[in-house]
Amino acid sequence: MPCEELDIVWNNIKAEARALADCEPMLASFYHATLLKHENLGSALSYMLANKLASPIMPAIAIREVVEEAYAADPEMIASAACDIQAVRTRDPAVDKYST
């Protein structure tokens, strides 16, 4: 996926998250923590993956470092994730937002 398209997907995600945070004040902190405070898709993905995989034995911060190292070694993973998000948004009639 060209960089411009990656930016389009990320910008759509952020715009939707901002709108959802404005409409749902109870969820605003969730949208800020998971999406809006991040500068790029890779940062948001590493944050979400780390928090989903964290355990008492392996804290989220340690997992996030590993994920970010992997993304740095192969940035195409982030582009592939953006392609997957775009494909789901385009092809799945149940999905009406990039941020779903």
C-alpha atoms as a PDB file:
ATOM      1  CA  MET A   1       0.000   0.000   0.000  1.00  0.00           C
ATOM      2  CA  PRO A   2       1.465   3.361  -0.949  1.00  0.00           C
ATOM      3  CA  CYS A   3       2.224   5.701   1.923  1.00  0.00           C
ATOM      4  CA  GLU A   4      -0.536   8.101   0.872  1.00  0.00           C
ATOM      5  CA  GLU A   5      -3.153   5.337   1.170  1.00  0.00           C
ATOM      6  CA  LEU A   6      -1.788   4.327   4.570  1.00  0.00           C
ATOM      7  CA  ASP A   7      -2.182   7.950   5.633  1.00  0.00           C
ATOM      8  CA  ILE A   8      -5.741   8.025   4.278  1.00  0.00           C
ATOM      9  CA  VAL A   9      -6.699   4.938   6.302  1.00  0.00           C
ATOM     10  CA  TRP A  10      -5.066   6.352   9.447  1.00  0.00           C
ATOM     11  CA  ASN A  11      -6.667   9.779   8.957  1.00  0.00           C
ATOM     12  CA  ASN A  12     -10.091   8.154   8.508  1.00  0.00           C
ATOM     13  CA  ILE A  13      -9.604   6.138  11.698  1.00  0.00           C
ATOM     14  CA  LYS A  14      -8.627   9.258  13.645  1.00  0.00           C
ATOM     15  CA  ALA A  15     -11.512  11.326  12.251  1.00  0.00           C
ATOM     16  CA  GLU A  16     -14.009   8.629  13.172  1.00  0.00           C
ATOM     17  CA  ALA A  17     -12.502   8.245  16.642  1.00  0.00           C
ATOM     18  CA  ARG A  18     -12.722  12.009  17.228  1.00  0.00           C
ATOM     19  CA  ALA A  19     -16.367  12.040  16.152  1.00  0.00           C
ATOM     20  CA  LEU A  20     -17.176   9.013  18.298  1.00  0.00           C
ATOM     21  CA  ALA A  21     -15.390  10.511  21.306  1.00  0.00           C
ATOM     22  CA  ASP A  22     -17.432  13.697  20.886  1.00  0.00           C
ATOM     23  CA  CYS A  23     -20.707  11.747  20.613  1.00  0.00           C
ATOM     24  CA  GLU A  24     -19.947   9.290  23.416  1.00  0.00           C
ATOM     25  CA  PRO A  25     -18.241  11.133  26.296  1.00  0.00           C
ATOM     26  CA  MET A  26     -18.135   7.936  28.384  1.00  0.00           C
ATOM     27  CA  LEU A  27     -15.894   6.344  25.730  1.00  0.00           C
ATOM     28  CA  ALA A  28     -13.747   9.404  25.031  1.00  0.00           C
ATOM     29  CA  SER A  29     -10.855   8.227  27.221  1.00  0.00           C
ATOM     30  CA  PHE A  30     -10.873   4.860  25.425  1.00  0.00           C
ATOM     31  CA  TYR A  31     -10.656   6.528  22.011  1.00  0.00           C
ATOM     32  CA  HIS A  32      -7.912   8.844  23.206  1.00  0.00           C
ATOM     33  CA  ALA A  33      -5.828   6.043  24.735  1.00  0.00           C
ATOM     34  CA  THR A  34      -6.181   3.608  21.850  1.00  0.00           C
ATOM     35  CA  LEU A  35      -6.192   5.911  18.820  1.00  0.00           C
ATOM     36  CA  LEU A  36      -6.129   9.660  19.210  1.00  0.00           C
ATOM     37  CA  LYS A  37      -2.950  10.032  21.252  1.00  0.00           C
ATOM     38  CA  HIS A  38      -0.927   8.067  18.695  1.00  0.00           C
ATOM     39  CA  GLU A  39       0.874   9.754  15.821  1.00  0.00           C
ATOM     40  CA  ASN A  40       0.551   6.863  13.399  1.00  0.00           C
ATOM     41  CA  LEU A  41      -1.156   3.539  12.791  1.00  0.00           C
ATOM     42  CA  GLY A  42       1.876   1.526  13.912  1.00  0.00           C
ATOM     43  CA  SER A  43       1.922   3.239  17.282  1.00  0.00           C
ATOM     44  CA  ALA A  44      -1.800   2.638  17.806  1.00  0.00           C
ATOM     45  CA  LEU A  45      -1.518  -0.997  16.737  1.00  0.00           C
ATOM     46  CA  SER A  46       1.465  -1.668  18.993  1.00  0.00           C
ATOM     47  CA  TYR A  47      -0.416  -0.120  21.927  1.00  0.00           C
ATOM     48  CA  MET A  48      -3.533  -2.220  21.312  1.00  0.00           C
ATOM     49  CA  LEU A  49      -1.638  -5.460  20.693  1.00  0.00           C
ATOM     50  CA  ALA A  50       0.492  -4.996  23.789  1.00  0.00           C
ATOM     51  CA  ASN A  51      -2.520  -4.358  25.983  1.00  0.00           C
ATOM     52  CA  LYS A  52      -4.390  -7.362  24.617  1.00  0.00           C
ATOM     53  CA  LEU A  53      -1.409  -9.696  25.068  1.00  0.00           C
ATOM     54  CA  ALA A  54      -0.214  -8.376  28.432  1.00  0.00           C
ATOM     55  CA  SER A  55      -0.194 -10.593  31.495  1.00  0.00           C
ATOM     56  CA  PRO A  56       1.180 -10.389  35.026  1.00  0.00           C
ATOM     57  CA  ILE A  57       4.295 -12.160  33.753  1.00  0.00           C
ATOM     58  CA  MET A  58       4.747  -9.986  30.659  1.00  0.00           C
ATOM     59  CA  PRO A  59       3.655  -6.360  31.078  1.00  0.00           C
ATOM     60  CA  ALA A  60       2.245  -4.366  28.172  1.00  0.00           C
ATOM     61  CA  ILE A  61       5.268  -2.065  27.981  1.00  0.00           C
ATOM     62  CA  ALA A  62       7.616  -5.008  27.341  1.00  0.00           C
ATOM     63  CA  ILE A  63       5.342  -6.453  24.671  1.00  0.00           C
ATOM     64  CA  ARG A  64       4.975  -3.061  23.042  1.00  0.00           C
ATOM     65  CA  GLU A  65       8.759  -2.728  22.728  1.00  0.00           C
ATOM     66  CA  VAL A  66       8.930  -6.096  20.952  1.00  0.00           C
ATOM     67  CA  VAL A  67       6.079  -5.173  18.605  1.00  0.00           C
ATOM     68  CA  GLU A  68       7.646  -1.799  17.791  1.00  0.00           C
ATOM     69  CA  GLU A  69      10.994  -3.489  17.072  1.00  0.00           C
ATOM     70  CA  ALA A  70       9.216  -5.862  14.696  1.00  0.00           C
ATOM     71  CA  TYR A  71       7.487  -2.951  12.955  1.00  0.00           C
ATOM     72  CA  ALA A  72      10.811  -1.124  12.636  1.00  0.00           C
ATOM     73  CA  ALA A  73      12.415  -4.225  11.123  1.00  0.00           C
ATOM     74  CA  ASP A  74       9.542  -4.720   8.671  1.00  0.00           C
ATOM     75  CA  PRO A  75       7.401  -1.588   8.142  1.00  0.00           C
ATOM     76  CA  GLU A  76       5.426  -3.506   5.526  1.00  0.00           C
ATOM     77  CA  MET A  77       3.524  -5.116   8.429  1.00  0.00           C
ATOM     78  CA  ILE A  78       1.860  -1.776   9.142  1.00  0.00           C
ATOM     79  CA  ALA A  79       1.040  -1.274   5.468  1.00  0.00           C
ATOM     80  CA  SER A  80      -0.445  -4.784   5.396  1.00  0.00           C
ATOM     81  CA  ALA A  81      -2.571  -3.991   8.435  1.00  0.00           C
ATOM     82  CA  ALA A  82      -3.830  -0.848   6.685  1.00  0.00           C
ATOM     83  CA  CYS A  83      -4.661  -2.920   3.587  1.00  0.00           C
ATOM     84  CA  ASP A  84      -6.581  -5.372   5.779  1.00  0.00           C
ATOM     85  CA  ILE A  85      -8.501  -2.529   7.427  1.00  0.00           C
ATOM     86  CA  GLN A  86      -9.301  -1.048   4.002  1.00  0.00           C
ATOM     87  CA  ALA A  87     -10.434  -4.436   2.661  1.00  0.00           C
ATOM     88  CA  VAL A  88     -12.729  -5.124   5.610  1.00  0.00           C
ATOM     89  CA  ARG A  89     -14.190  -1.607   5.418  1.00  0.00           C
ATOM     90  CA  THR A  90     -14.802  -1.956   1.679  1.00  0.00           C
ATOM     91  CA  ARG A  91     -16.056  -5.543   1.506  1.00  0.00           C
ATOM     92  CA  ASP A  92     -17.880  -6.278   4.752  1.00  0.00           C
ATOM     93  CA  PRO A  93     -21.370  -4.773   4.737  1.00  0.00           C
ATOM     94  CA  ALA A  94     -21.517  -5.038   8.535  1.00  0.00           C
ATOM     95  CA  VAL A  95     -18.551  -2.670   8.898  1.00  0.00           C
ATOM     96  CA  ASP A  96     -19.381   0.983   8.362  1.00  0.00           C
ATOM     97  CA  LYS A  97     -16.303   2.557   9.964  1.00  0.00           C
ATOM     98  CA  TYR A  98     -12.551   2.204   9.624  1.00  0.00           C
ATOM     99  CA  SER A  99     -12.270   2.415  13.396  1.00  0.00           C
ATOM    100  CA  THR A 100     -14.552  -0.579  14.018  1.00  0.00           C
END
